[in-house]
């Protein structure tokens, strides 16, 4: 109920005015049955514009921090992300994330669309980063098609660290479904999972036009100096 209310009443009209979103390749999304939408990740608003432009409901894996906050803000986040069908994922390691992938498999077994960001986190600079293999493992385990999705200019609408949106035309570009049934029974093979992941990332690079960087975005963020450190360096 809340998913559709936010889409058509509370948030959708606002986003359509400010983002003037368009969608290309909507015919590549099946009218029914399960599929994984594998998207690049430029901004928080990716998880709002994609559901807005796709007719069917989409479930997303969302970082667990959205569900563990405290105070009024934390309570609102938990309610909001639960209401719109987000599934919390612990990103501290493969074992910790297993529960989230179990939830994702259950959703796919019900014939739903599952949205995932193979980069694992937002791009720090607009480039496309190395994909993590969890999505490939899920696709091979369930046998569902993977549909590449390129979000265009959402980082201009919602720059990292910004609170208020900046009116920018947003485009959602849907690619043709990728079939990995040829690897049936080979899930757990890390070389095959890497090959599947790299194929997905190549399609995202082609769709989005982004420059590809063969390192994990999270590792780059961890190496980046903090604001405090930069300020101290500048003052030295």
C-alpha atoms as a PDB file:
ATOM      1  CA  UNK A   1       0.000   0.000   0.000  1.00  0.00           C
ATOM      2  CA  UNK A   2       2.625   2.568   1.060  1.00  0.00           C
ATOM      3  CA  UNK A   3       4.805   1.708  -1.945  1.00  0.00           C
ATOM      4  CA  UNK A   4       2.094   2.819  -4.374  1.00  0.00           C
ATOM      5  CA  UNK A   5       1.100   5.783  -2.220  1.00  0.00           C
ATOM      6  CA  UNK A   6       4.659   7.146  -2.287  1.00  0.00           C
ATOM      7  CA  UNK A   7       4.965   6.422  -6.011  1.00  0.00           C
ATOM      8  CA  UNK A   8       1.745   8.080  -7.155  1.00  0.00           C
ATOM      9  CA  UNK A   9       0.845  10.577  -4.412  1.00  0.00           C
ATOM     10  CA  UNK A  10       3.571  11.657  -1.991  1.00  0.00           C
ATOM     11  CA  UNK A  11       6.868  11.483  -3.907  1.00  0.00           C
ATOM     12  CA  UNK A  12       6.211  10.553  -7.517  1.00  0.00           C
ATOM     13  CA  UNK A  13       4.618  13.828  -8.711  1.00  0.00           C
ATOM     14  CA  UNK A  14       7.371  15.854  -7.017  1.00  0.00           C
ATOM     15  CA  UNK A  15      10.125  13.818  -8.690  1.00  0.00           C
ATOM     16  CA  UNK A  16       8.451  14.014 -12.091  1.00  0.00           C
ATOM     17  CA  UNK A  17       8.397  17.813 -11.934  1.00  0.00           C
ATOM     18  CA  UNK A  18      11.979  18.281 -10.742  1.00  0.00           C
ATOM     19  CA  UNK A  19      13.612  15.352 -12.537  1.00  0.00           C
ATOM     20  CA  UNK A  20      11.559  15.249 -15.752  1.00  0.00           C
ATOM     21  CA  UNK A  21      12.473  11.539 -15.939  1.00  0.00           C
ATOM     22  CA  UNK A  22      12.274   9.484 -19.114  1.00  0.00           C
ATOM     23  CA  UNK A  23      12.767   5.764 -19.611  1.00  0.00           C
ATOM     24  CA  UNK A  24      14.329   3.932 -22.551  1.00  0.00           C
ATOM     25  CA  UNK A  25      13.947   0.203 -23.153  1.00  0.00           C
ATOM     26  CA  UNK A  26      10.989  -0.375 -20.839  1.00  0.00           C
ATOM     27  CA  UNK A  27       9.958  -3.223 -23.155  1.00  0.00           C
ATOM     28  CA  UNK A  28      12.975  -5.185 -21.884  1.00  0.00           C
ATOM     29  CA  UNK A  29      11.297  -5.638 -18.490  1.00  0.00           C
ATOM     30  CA  UNK A  30       9.019  -8.718 -18.449  1.00  0.00           C
ATOM     31  CA  UNK A  31       5.361  -8.061 -17.683  1.00  0.00           C
ATOM     32  CA  UNK A  32       5.464 -10.856 -15.098  1.00  0.00           C
ATOM     33  CA  UNK A  33       7.851 -13.346 -13.566  1.00  0.00           C
ATOM     34  CA  UNK A  34      11.060 -12.824 -11.599  1.00  0.00           C
ATOM     35  CA  UNK A  35      14.103 -10.863 -12.739  1.00  0.00           C
ATOM     36  CA  UNK A  36      17.037  -9.009 -11.208  1.00  0.00           C
ATOM     37  CA  UNK A  37      17.489  -5.376 -12.200  1.00  0.00           C
ATOM     38  CA  UNK A  38      21.245  -4.746 -11.995  1.00  0.00           C
ATOM     39  CA  UNK A  39      21.844  -0.996 -11.857  1.00  0.00           C
ATOM     40  CA  UNK A  40      24.777   1.356 -11.653  1.00  0.00           C
ATOM     41  CA  UNK A  41      24.604   3.496  -8.523  1.00  0.00           C
ATOM     42  CA  UNK A  42      25.196   7.240  -8.698  1.00  0.00           C
ATOM     43  CA  UNK A  43      22.916   8.629  -5.987  1.00  0.00           C
ATOM     44  CA  UNK A  44      20.386   7.789  -3.287  1.00  0.00           C
ATOM     45  CA  UNK A  45      17.665   8.854  -5.716  1.00  0.00           C
ATOM     46  CA  UNK A  46      18.432   5.874  -7.984  1.00  0.00           C
ATOM     47  CA  UNK A  47      16.181   3.838  -5.693  1.00  0.00           C
ATOM     48  CA  UNK A  48      13.377   6.350  -6.204  1.00  0.00           C
ATOM     49  CA  UNK A  49      13.568   7.139  -9.917  1.00  0.00           C
ATOM     50  CA  UNK A  50      13.824   3.507 -11.039  1.00  0.00           C
ATOM     51  CA  UNK A  51      10.622   2.387  -9.238  1.00  0.00           C
ATOM     52  CA  UNK A  52       8.926   5.567 -10.423  1.00  0.00           C
ATOM     53  CA  UNK A  53       9.551   4.728 -14.085  1.00  0.00           C
ATOM     54  CA  UNK A  54       8.912   0.971 -13.991  1.00  0.00           C
ATOM     55  CA  UNK A  55       5.307  -0.217 -13.922  1.00  0.00           C
ATOM     56  CA  UNK A  56       5.945  -3.262 -11.731  1.00  0.00           C
ATOM     57  CA  UNK A  57       6.894  -3.115  -8.072  1.00  0.00           C
ATOM     58  CA  UNK A  58      10.627  -3.415  -7.346  1.00  0.00           C
ATOM     59  CA  UNK A  59      12.188  -4.720  -4.143  1.00  0.00           C
ATOM     60  CA  UNK A  60      15.698  -3.521  -3.245  1.00  0.00           C
ATOM     61  CA  UNK A  61      18.482  -4.694  -1.017  1.00  0.00           C
ATOM     62  CA  UNK A  62      19.299  -1.710   1.205  1.00  0.00           C
ATOM     63  CA  UNK A  63      22.218  -1.191   3.581  1.00  0.00           C
ATOM     64  CA  UNK A  64      21.383  -2.281   7.110  1.00  0.00           C
ATOM     65  CA  UNK A  65      22.288   1.152   8.498  1.00  0.00           C
ATOM     66  CA  UNK A  66      18.914   2.392   7.234  1.00  0.00           C
ATOM     67  CA  UNK A  67      17.234   0.030   9.709  1.00  0.00           C
ATOM     68  CA  UNK A  68      19.429   0.514  12.769  1.00  0.00           C
ATOM     69  CA  UNK A  69      19.331   4.271  13.368  1.00  0.00           C
ATOM     70  CA  UNK A  70      18.245   5.748  16.670  1.00  0.00           C
ATOM     71  CA  UNK A  71      15.934   8.569  17.663  1.00  0.00           C
ATOM     72  CA  UNK A  72      13.136  10.038  15.574  1.00  0.00           C
ATOM     73  CA  UNK A  73      15.159   9.985  12.357  1.00  0.00           C
ATOM     74  CA  UNK A  74      16.102   6.338  12.857  1.00  0.00           C
ATOM     75  CA  UNK A  75      12.505   5.355  13.565  1.00  0.00           C
ATOM     76  CA  UNK A  76      11.289   7.147  10.442  1.00  0.00           C
ATOM     77  CA  UNK A  77      13.949   5.504   8.276  1.00  0.00           C
ATOM     78  CA  UNK A  78      13.044   2.039   9.555  1.00  0.00           C
ATOM     79  CA  UNK A  79       9.358   2.650   8.888  1.00  0.00           C
ATOM     80  CA  UNK A  80       9.915   4.168   5.447  1.00  0.00           C
ATOM     81  CA  UNK A  81      12.319   1.564   4.086  1.00  0.00           C
ATOM     82  CA  UNK A  82      10.238  -1.296   5.476  1.00  0.00           C
ATOM     83  CA  UNK A  83       7.032   0.208   4.062  1.00  0.00           C
ATOM     84  CA  UNK A  84       8.457   0.440   0.543  1.00  0.00           C
ATOM     85  CA  UNK A  85       9.755  -3.134   0.578  1.00  0.00           C
ATOM     86  CA  UNK A  86      13.490  -2.659   1.169  1.00  0.00           C
ATOM     87  CA  UNK A  87      15.445  -5.683   2.438  1.00  0.00           C
ATOM     88  CA  UNK A  88      18.319  -4.851   4.832  1.00  0.00           C
ATOM     89  CA  UNK A  89      21.770  -6.171   3.915  1.00  0.00           C
ATOM     90  CA  UNK A  90      24.768  -6.234   6.220  1.00  0.00           C
ATOM     91  CA  UNK A  91      27.750  -5.205   4.060  1.00  0.00           C
ATOM     92  CA  UNK A  92      30.437  -6.221   6.568  1.00  0.00           C
ATOM     93  CA  UNK A  93      31.041  -9.542   4.824  1.00  0.00           C
ATOM     94  CA  UNK A  94      29.624 -12.441   2.815  1.00  0.00           C
ATOM     95  CA  UNK A  95      28.506 -14.395   5.884  1.00  0.00           C
ATOM     96  CA  UNK A  96      26.735 -11.376   7.362  1.00  0.00           C
ATOM     97  CA  UNK A  97      24.909 -10.724   4.086  1.00  0.00           C
ATOM     98  CA  UNK A  98      23.604 -14.280   3.702  1.00  0.00           C
ATOM     99  CA  UNK A  99      20.324 -13.473   5.446  1.00  0.00           C
ATOM    100  CA  UNK A 100      19.610 -10.674   2.989  1.00  0.00           C
ATOM    101  CA  UNK A 101      20.282 -12.923   0.023  1.00  0.00           C
ATOM    102  CA  UNK A 102      17.955 -15.524   1.499  1.00  0.00           C
ATOM    103  CA  UNK A 103      15.281 -12.812   1.608  1.00  0.00           C
ATOM    104  CA  UNK A 104      16.071 -11.841  -1.978  1.00  0.00           C
ATOM    105  CA  UNK A 105      15.725 -15.450  -3.137  1.00  0.00           C
ATOM    106  CA  UNK A 106      12.349 -15.669  -1.415  1.00  0.00           C
ATOM    107  CA  UNK A 107      11.160 -12.568  -3.233  1.00  0.00           C
ATOM    108  CA  UNK A 108      12.344 -13.923  -6.579  1.00  0.00           C
ATOM    109  CA  UNK A 109      10.597 -17.231  -5.843  1.00  0.00           C
ATOM    110  CA  UNK A 110       7.392 -15.190  -5.592  1.00  0.00           C
ATOM    111  CA  UNK A 111       7.932 -13.888  -9.140  1.00  0.00           C
ATOM    112  CA  UNK A 112       8.953 -10.332  -8.220  1.00  0.00           C
ATOM    113  CA  UNK A 113      11.526  -7.859  -9.521  1.00  0.00           C
ATOM    114  CA  UNK A 114      14.617  -7.437  -7.363  1.00  0.00           C
ATOM    115  CA  UNK A 115      16.744  -4.294  -7.731  1.00  0.00           C
ATOM    116  CA  UNK A 116      20.461  -4.605  -6.918  1.00  0.00           C
ATOM    117  CA  UNK A 117      23.574  -2.452  -7.199  1.00  0.00           C
ATOM    118  CA  UNK A 118      26.528  -4.709  -8.076  1.00  0.00           C
ATOM    119  CA  UNK A 119      29.018  -1.962  -7.156  1.00  0.00           C
ATOM    120  CA  UNK A 120      27.807  -2.344  -3.566  1.00  0.00           C
ATOM    121  CA  UNK A 121      27.822   1.378  -2.846  1.00  0.00           C
ATOM    122  CA  UNK A 122      27.386   4.707  -4.626  1.00  0.00           C
ATOM    123  CA  UNK A 123      30.076   5.816  -7.046  1.00  0.00           C
ATOM    124  CA  UNK A 124      32.252   8.454  -5.361  1.00  0.00           C
ATOM    125  CA  UNK A 125      32.983  10.324  -8.595  1.00  0.00           C
ATOM    126  CA  UNK A 126      30.480   9.319 -11.293  1.00  0.00           C
ATOM    127  CA  UNK A 127      32.611   6.506 -12.716  1.00  0.00           C
ATOM    128  CA  UNK A 128      31.570   2.831 -12.833  1.00  0.00           C
ATOM    129  CA  UNK A 129      33.392   0.573 -10.379  1.00  0.00           C
ATOM    130  CA  UNK A 130      34.142  -3.134 -10.107  1.00  0.00           C
ATOM    131  CA  UNK A 131      31.110  -5.263  -9.296  1.00  0.00           C
ATOM    132  CA  UNK A 132      30.803  -7.593  -6.341  1.00  0.00           C
ATOM    133  CA  UNK A 133      29.889 -11.196  -7.084  1.00  0.00           C
ATOM    134  CA  UNK A 134      26.852 -11.526  -4.804  1.00  0.00           C
ATOM    135  CA  UNK A 135      24.467 -10.572  -7.594  1.00  0.00           C
ATOM    136  CA  UNK A 136      25.978 -13.201  -9.900  1.00  0.00           C
ATOM    137  CA  UNK A 137      25.646 -15.833  -7.183  1.00  0.00           C
ATOM    138  CA  UNK A 138      21.972 -14.949  -6.705  1.00  0.00           C
ATOM    139  CA  UNK A 139      21.294 -15.023 -10.448  1.00  0.00           C
ATOM    140  CA  UNK A 140      22.978 -18.399 -10.878  1.00  0.00           C
ATOM    141  CA  UNK A 141      21.264 -19.836  -7.818  1.00  0.00           C
ATOM    142  CA  UNK A 142      17.765 -18.778  -8.907  1.00  0.00           C
ATOM    143  CA  UNK A 143      18.168 -18.993 -12.689  1.00  0.00           C
ATOM    144  CA  UNK A 144      16.373 -15.678 -13.252  1.00  0.00           C
ATOM    145  CA  UNK A 145      17.425 -13.224 -15.978  1.00  0.00           C
ATOM    146  CA  UNK A 146      19.537 -10.184 -15.123  1.00  0.00           C
ATOM    147  CA  UNK A 147      18.405  -6.912 -16.690  1.00  0.00           C
ATOM    148  CA  UNK A 148      21.077  -4.168 -16.797  1.00  0.00           C
ATOM    149  CA  UNK A 149      19.880  -0.680 -15.868  1.00  0.00           C
ATOM    150  CA  UNK A 150      21.740   2.594 -16.365  1.00  0.00           C
ATOM    151  CA  UNK A 151      20.727   5.562 -14.248  1.00  0.00           C
ATOM    152  CA  UNK A 152      21.760   8.762 -16.012  1.00  0.00           C
ATOM    153  CA  UNK A 153      22.431  12.077 -14.197  1.00  0.00           C
ATOM    154  CA  UNK A 154      20.846  11.150 -10.871  1.00  0.00           C
ATOM    155  CA  UNK A 155      24.076  12.327  -9.215  1.00  0.00           C
ATOM    156  CA  UNK A 156      23.417  15.783 -10.636  1.00  0.00           C
ATOM    157  CA  UNK A 157      19.864  15.752  -9.275  1.00  0.00           C
ATOM    158  CA  UNK A 158      21.067  14.510  -5.886  1.00  0.00           C
ATOM    159  CA  UNK A 159      24.812  15.264  -5.492  1.00  0.00           C
ATOM    160  CA  UNK A 160      26.574  13.283  -2.726  1.00  0.00           C
ATOM    161  CA  UNK A 161      26.142  15.056   0.601  1.00  0.00           C
ATOM    162  CA  UNK A 162      23.339  17.304  -0.628  1.00  0.00           C
ATOM    163  CA  UNK A 163      19.980  17.612   1.096  1.00  0.00           C
ATOM    164  CA  UNK A 164      17.878  19.520  -1.406  1.00  0.00           C
ATOM    165  CA  UNK A 165      17.496  18.193  -4.982  1.00  0.00           C
ATOM    166  CA  UNK A 166      18.716  20.177  -7.962  1.00  0.00           C
ATOM    167  CA  UNK A 167      16.312  20.156 -10.934  1.00  0.00           C
ATOM    168  CA  UNK A 168      18.017  17.954 -13.545  1.00  0.00           C
ATOM    169  CA  UNK A 169      16.653  15.789 -16.322  1.00  0.00           C
ATOM    170  CA  UNK A 170      17.041  12.127 -15.355  1.00  0.00           C
ATOM    171  CA  UNK A 171      17.087   9.176 -17.740  1.00  0.00           C
ATOM    172  CA  UNK A 172      16.531   5.503 -16.918  1.00  0.00           C
ATOM    173  CA  UNK A 173      17.970   3.217 -19.616  1.00  0.00           C
ATOM    174  CA  UNK A 174      16.984  -0.469 -19.585  1.00  0.00           C
ATOM    175  CA  UNK A 175      19.128  -3.009 -21.437  1.00  0.00           C
ATOM    176  CA  UNK A 176      18.254  -6.399 -22.843  1.00  0.00           C
ATOM    177  CA  UNK A 177      17.980  -9.298 -20.359  1.00  0.00           C
ATOM    178  CA  UNK A 178      21.112 -11.368 -19.782  1.00  0.00           C
ATOM    179  CA  UNK A 179      20.665 -15.141 -19.535  1.00  0.00           C
ATOM    180  CA  UNK A 180      23.187 -17.039 -17.421  1.00  0.00           C
ATOM    181  CA  UNK A 181      21.432 -20.408 -17.505  1.00  0.00           C
ATOM    182  CA  UNK A 182      24.533 -21.839 -19.220  1.00  0.00           C
ATOM    183  CA  UNK A 183      26.199 -21.732 -15.808  1.00  0.00           C
ATOM    184  CA  UNK A 184      23.483 -23.719 -14.033  1.00  0.00           C
ATOM    185  CA  UNK A 185      24.905 -25.736 -11.149  1.00  0.00           C
ATOM    186  CA  UNK A 186      28.165 -23.770 -11.090  1.00  0.00           C
ATOM    187  CA  UNK A 187      27.243 -21.286  -8.367  1.00  0.00           C
ATOM    188  CA  UNK A 188      29.939 -21.211  -5.721  1.00  0.00           C
ATOM    189  CA  UNK A 189      32.696 -21.269  -8.327  1.00  0.00           C
ATOM    190  CA  UNK A 190      34.346 -17.906  -7.719  1.00  0.00           C
ATOM    191  CA  UNK A 191      35.875 -17.765 -11.196  1.00  0.00           C
ATOM    192  CA  UNK A 192      32.512 -18.262 -12.871  1.00  0.00           C
ATOM    193  CA  UNK A 193      30.845 -15.781 -10.513  1.00  0.00           C
ATOM    194  CA  UNK A 194      33.525 -13.224 -11.368  1.00  0.00           C
ATOM    195  CA  UNK A 195      33.046 -13.831 -15.107  1.00  0.00           C
ATOM    196  CA  UNK A 196      29.275 -13.347 -14.776  1.00  0.00           C
ATOM    197  CA  UNK A 197      29.774 -10.188 -12.719  1.00  0.00           C
ATOM    198  CA  UNK A 198      32.235  -8.752 -15.240  1.00  0.00           C
ATOM    199  CA  UNK A 199      29.782  -9.428 -18.077  1.00  0.00           C
ATOM    200  CA  UNK A 200      27.094  -7.508 -16.182  1.00  0.00           C
ATOM    201  CA  UNK A 201      29.464  -4.607 -15.512  1.00  0.00           C
ATOM    202  CA  UNK A 202      30.459  -4.476 -19.179  1.00  0.00           C
ATOM    203  CA  UNK A 203      26.798  -4.135 -20.176  1.00  0.00           C
ATOM    204  CA  UNK A 204      26.345  -1.369 -17.592  1.00  0.00           C
ATOM    205  CA  UNK A 205      29.383   0.440 -18.972  1.00  0.00           C
ATOM    206  CA  UNK A 206      27.952   0.234 -22.504  1.00  0.00           C
ATOM    207  CA  UNK A 207      24.517   1.431 -21.378  1.00  0.00           C
ATOM    208  CA  UNK A 208      25.648   4.262 -19.124  1.00  0.00           C
ATOM    209  CA  UNK A 209      28.667   5.548 -21.025  1.00  0.00           C
ATOM    210  CA  UNK A 210      30.592   5.703 -17.740  1.00  0.00           C
ATOM    211  CA  UNK A 211      34.325   5.201 -17.497  1.00  0.00           C
ATOM    212  CA  UNK A 212      35.043   1.832 -15.873  1.00  0.00           C
ATOM    213  CA  UNK A 213      37.474   1.517 -12.959  1.00  0.00           C
ATOM    214  CA  UNK A 214      38.643  -1.996 -12.028  1.00  0.00           C
ATOM    215  CA  UNK A 215      38.653  -1.471  -8.249  1.00  0.00           C
ATOM    216  CA  UNK A 216      35.871  -1.628  -5.673  1.00  0.00           C
ATOM    217  CA  UNK A 217      34.242   1.724  -4.955  1.00  0.00           C
ATOM    218  CA  UNK A 218      34.116   0.931  -1.236  1.00  0.00           C
ATOM    219  CA  UNK A 219      37.885   0.438  -1.060  1.00  0.00           C
ATOM    220  CA  UNK A 220      38.409   3.793  -2.746  1.00  0.00           C
ATOM    221  CA  UNK A 221      36.082   5.496  -0.265  1.00  0.00           C
ATOM    222  CA  UNK A 222      37.915   3.908   2.648  1.00  0.00           C
ATOM    223  CA  UNK A 223      41.227   5.244   1.372  1.00  0.00           C
ATOM    224  CA  UNK A 224      39.900   8.752   0.815  1.00  0.00           C
ATOM    225  CA  UNK A 225      41.100  11.222   3.462  1.00  0.00           C
ATOM    226  CA  UNK A 226      38.453  12.464   5.836  1.00  0.00           C
ATOM    227  CA  UNK A 227      37.213  16.036   5.781  1.00  0.00           C
ATOM    228  CA  UNK A 228      38.926  16.587   9.100  1.00  0.00           C
ATOM    229  CA  UNK A 229      42.233  15.290   7.749  1.00  0.00           C
ATOM    230  CA  UNK A 230      41.984  17.498   4.669  1.00  0.00           C
ATOM    231  CA  UNK A 231      41.300  20.516   6.844  1.00  0.00           C
ATOM    232  CA  UNK A 232      44.286  19.698   9.034  1.00  0.00           C
ATOM    233  CA  UNK A 233      46.523  19.298   5.982  1.00  0.00           C
ATOM    234  CA  UNK A 234      45.356  22.615   4.620  1.00  0.00           C
ATOM    235  CA  UNK A 235      46.085  24.332   7.896  1.00  0.00           C
ATOM    236  CA  UNK A 236      49.558  22.807   8.241  1.00  0.00           C
END
